[in-house]
């Protein structure tokens, strides 16, 4: 039997659709999971879409990763987010980055 403490709170996968890389995190993106999230996106080039449909929490650390990678990819590609849950969408709007990142 798996206890609550043993259950993962974050996972991230990456796959290609034509020329676009899709990054699909699952769970909470916060200070504890920021580095895994950042490393996954940082290994991408070109056009990247981050699918936030399975994100249950997006903290300032995760927003920082999205903005930094958006800036990095802007020269030769793009970074967009899609499938935001309502609470994630509101956080992006509150900090003013929704228009930069929305697909």
Protein backbone atom coordinates (compact mmCIF):
# COMPACT_ATOMS: atom_id res chain seq x y z
CA UNK A 1 0.00 0.00 0.00
CA UNK A 2 1.31 3.46 -0.92
CA UNK A 3 1.11 6.13 1.74
CA UNK A 4 0.44 9.76 0.93
CA UNK A 5 4.06 10.65 1.71
CA UNK A 6 5.29 8.17 -0.90
CA UNK A 7 3.11 9.47 -3.70
CA UNK A 8 4.87 11.79 -6.13
CA UNK A 9 3.66 15.38 -6.18
CA UNK A 10 5.31 16.21 -9.49
CA UNK A 11 6.17 14.58 -12.78
CA UNK A 12 7.05 16.07 -16.15
CA UNK A 13 7.11 14.46 -19.58
CA UNK A 14 8.13 15.74 -22.99
CA UNK A 15 7.14 14.69 -26.50
CA UNK A 16 7.15 15.99 -30.09
CA UNK A 17 4.20 16.90 -32.29
CA UNK A 18 5.57 17.79 -35.71
CA UNK A 19 8.06 20.63 -35.05
CA UNK A 20 6.68 21.53 -31.61
CA UNK A 21 7.93 20.13 -28.33
CA UNK A 22 5.18 19.62 -25.76
CA UNK A 23 6.13 19.70 -22.09
CA UNK A 24 3.46 18.20 -19.84
CA UNK A 25 3.97 18.69 -16.10
CA UNK A 26 1.73 16.96 -13.57
CA UNK A 27 1.16 18.06 -9.99
CA UNK A 28 2.57 21.03 -8.11
CA UNK A 29 5.16 23.38 -9.60
CA UNK A 30 6.83 25.12 -6.67
CA UNK A 31 10.29 25.64 -5.17
CA UNK A 32 10.69 21.91 -4.53
CA UNK A 33 9.94 20.90 -8.14
CA UNK A 34 11.23 23.97 -10.00
CA UNK A 35 14.58 22.49 -11.00
CA UNK A 36 13.09 19.40 -12.67
CA UNK A 37 10.58 21.60 -14.50
CA UNK A 38 13.29 24.04 -15.59
CA UNK A 39 15.67 21.30 -16.71
CA UNK A 40 12.99 19.72 -18.90
CA UNK A 41 12.15 22.98 -20.66
CA UNK A 42 15.79 24.10 -20.83
CA UNK A 43 16.65 21.02 -22.88
CA UNK A 44 14.13 22.10 -25.56
CA UNK A 45 14.77 24.27 -28.59
CA UNK A 46 12.47 25.89 -31.14
CA UNK A 47 8.75 26.01 -30.47
CA UNK A 48 7.66 24.74 -27.06
CA UNK A 49 4.14 24.35 -25.69
CA UNK A 50 3.69 23.74 -21.96
CA UNK A 51 0.44 21.88 -21.31
CA UNK A 52 -0.71 22.89 -17.81
CA UNK A 53 -3.90 20.79 -17.75
CA UNK A 54 -2.58 18.54 -14.95
CA UNK A 55 -0.93 21.27 -12.85
CA UNK A 56 -2.60 21.57 -9.45
CA UNK A 57 -0.46 24.47 -8.16
CA UNK A 58 1.75 27.03 -9.89
CA UNK A 59 3.94 29.03 -7.54
CA UNK A 60 6.26 31.93 -8.19
CA UNK A 61 9.18 29.55 -8.82
CA UNK A 62 7.28 27.91 -11.67
CA UNK A 63 6.26 31.27 -13.11
CA UNK A 64 9.90 32.33 -12.99
CA UNK A 65 10.87 29.24 -14.99
CA UNK A 66 8.20 29.95 -17.61
CA UNK A 67 9.28 33.59 -18.04
CA UNK A 68 13.01 32.78 -18.15
CA UNK A 69 12.48 30.05 -20.75
CA UNK A 70 10.13 32.29 -22.75
CA UNK A 71 12.95 34.86 -22.93
CA UNK A 72 15.54 32.21 -23.85
CA UNK A 73 13.42 30.70 -26.61
CA UNK A 74 12.23 34.02 -28.08
CA UNK A 75 15.29 34.42 -30.33
CA UNK A 76 14.79 31.19 -32.31
CA UNK A 77 11.37 29.89 -31.35
CA UNK A 78 8.63 30.40 -28.83
CA UNK A 79 7.17 29.22 -25.54
CA UNK A 80 3.43 29.13 -25.00
CA UNK A 81 1.22 27.61 -22.33
CA UNK A 82 -2.13 25.95 -22.94
CA UNK A 83 -4.90 24.09 -21.13
CA UNK A 84 -4.65 26.15 -17.99
CA UNK A 85 -6.94 25.30 -15.12
CA UNK A 86 -8.89 28.29 -13.83
CA UNK A 87 -6.72 28.77 -10.73
CA UNK A 88 -3.51 28.61 -12.81
CA UNK A 89 -4.94 31.06 -15.36
CA UNK A 90 -5.77 33.48 -12.55
CA UNK A 91 -2.24 33.34 -11.16
CA UNK A 92 -0.79 34.09 -14.60
CA UNK A 93 -3.18 37.03 -14.97
CA UNK A 94 -2.40 38.40 -11.49
CA UNK A 95 1.33 38.55 -12.17
CA UNK A 96 0.77 39.95 -15.66
CA UNK A 97 2.40 37.27 -17.78
CA UNK A 98 -0.73 35.71 -19.27
CA UNK A 99 -0.45 37.68 -22.53
CA UNK A 100 3.19 36.67 -22.99
CA UNK A 101 2.61 32.98 -22.52
CA UNK A 102 -0.87 32.08 -23.67
CA UNK A 103 -1.28 29.85 -26.71
